[in-house]
Amino acid sequence: MRRWRWVAALAAGGVILSIAFLFTTRAFRLQGLRSDLDRLHANQVAALAVQDALRDELSRVDDPEAIEERARASLGLVMPGEEKVLFIKGE
């Protein structure tokens, strides 16, 4: 009779340890997933900020006045009917 008590106690202890092990491993896994989620959320926020900056830049690039200004300043272009005057520095 005592042997059955010991066997039952060991079996119950094994079940309890197995359940505790499962809960512990799941808790660690859940913590890892939370860390991953936080990292992904931070990446999403950064990506949205970059997206907003690119949209702002795109709206400036598509502006006809900005295009004309860049064409005049960077490329030295003039509108039809205008004359370009270059000043040359003397020695």
Protein backbone atom coordinates (compact mmCIF):
# COMPACT_ATOMS: atom_id res chain seq x y z
CA MET A 1 0.00 0.00 0.00
CA ARG A 2 2.86 2.35 0.79
CA ARG A 3 4.44 1.64 -2.55
CA TRP A 4 1.27 2.81 -4.35
CA ARG A 5 1.31 6.02 -2.36
CA TRP A 6 4.89 6.67 -3.40
CA VAL A 7 4.14 5.86 -7.02
CA ALA A 8 1.07 8.10 -6.94
CA ALA A 9 3.04 10.91 -5.26
CA LEU A 10 5.86 10.63 -7.81
CA ALA A 11 3.38 10.56 -10.69
CA ALA A 12 1.57 13.62 -9.31
CA GLY A 13 4.89 15.38 -8.80
CA GLY A 14 5.90 14.56 -12.38
CA VAL A 15 2.62 15.93 -13.70
CA ILE A 16 2.99 19.09 -11.61
CA LEU A 17 6.60 19.57 -12.80
CA SER A 18 5.55 19.00 -16.40
CA ILE A 19 2.76 21.57 -16.11
CA ALA A 20 5.10 24.05 -14.41
CA PHE A 21 7.68 23.49 -17.16
CA LEU A 22 5.05 24.11 -19.85
CA PHE A 23 3.82 27.30 -18.20
CA THR A 24 7.38 28.56 -17.70
CA THR A 25 8.42 27.91 -21.29
CA ARG A 26 5.23 29.50 -22.56
CA ALA A 27 5.83 32.55 -20.36
CA PHE A 28 9.34 32.96 -21.78
CA ARG A 29 8.03 32.52 -25.32
CA LEU A 30 5.30 35.07 -24.68
CA GLN A 31 7.88 37.55 -23.36
CA GLY A 32 9.94 37.02 -26.51
CA LEU A 33 6.90 37.62 -28.69
CA ARG A 34 6.11 40.81 -26.78
CA SER A 35 9.67 42.01 -27.38
CA ASP A 36 9.32 41.20 -31.08
CA LEU A 37 6.02 43.07 -31.19
CA ASP A 38 7.54 46.14 -29.53
CA ARG A 39 10.46 46.09 -32.00
CA LEU A 40 8.10 45.73 -34.96
CA HIS A 41 5.94 48.57 -33.67
CA ALA A 42 9.02 50.82 -33.39
CA ASN A 43 10.01 49.85 -36.94
CA GLN A 44 6.49 50.66 -38.15
CA VAL A 45 6.56 54.09 -36.52
CA ALA A 46 9.95 54.82 -38.11
CA ALA A 47 8.75 53.61 -41.51
CA LEU A 48 5.65 55.81 -41.28
CA ALA A 49 7.84 58.82 -40.47
CA VAL A 50 10.01 58.10 -43.52
CA GLN A 51 6.88 57.67 -45.63
CA ASP A 52 5.56 61.07 -44.49
CA ALA A 53 8.91 62.71 -45.28
CA LEU A 54 8.94 61.13 -48.74
CA ARG A 55 5.38 62.27 -49.41
CA ASP A 56 6.33 65.82 -48.42
CA GLU A 57 9.35 65.69 -50.72
CA LEU A 58 7.22 64.30 -53.54
CA SER A 59 4.70 67.11 -53.17
CA ARG A 60 7.54 69.64 -53.42
CA VAL A 61 9.07 67.87 -56.44
CA ASP A 62 5.74 67.84 -58.31
CA ASP A 63 5.19 71.58 -57.74
CA PRO A 64 5.58 73.40 -61.12
CA GLU A 65 7.16 76.46 -59.46
CA ALA A 66 9.73 74.27 -57.70
CA ILE A 67 10.52 72.50 -60.99
CA GLU A 68 11.04 75.81 -62.74
CA GLU A 69 13.24 77.11 -59.91
CA ARG A 70 15.43 74.00 -60.03
CA ALA A 71 15.66 74.15 -63.83
CA ARG A 72 16.83 77.77 -63.66
CA ALA A 73 19.24 77.34 -60.73
CA SER A 74 20.73 73.90 -61.38
CA LEU A 75 20.55 73.59 -65.15
CA GLY A 76 20.69 77.27 -66.16
CA LEU A 77 17.59 76.98 -68.32
CA VAL A 78 15.38 79.92 -69.34
CA MET A 79 11.78 80.14 -70.50
CA PRO A 80 11.07 80.63 -74.21
CA GLY A 81 11.39 84.30 -75.08
CA GLU A 82 13.79 85.03 -72.22
CA GLU A 83 17.45 85.76 -72.69
CA LYS A 84 20.18 84.39 -70.49
CA VAL A 85 22.85 86.85 -69.44
CA LEU A 86 26.15 85.60 -68.10
CA PHE A 87 28.51 87.90 -66.25
CA ILE A 88 32.19 87.09 -66.56
CA LYS A 89 34.55 88.29 -63.91
CA GLY A 90 37.53 90.19 -65.26
CA GLU A 91 41.06 89.76 -64.02
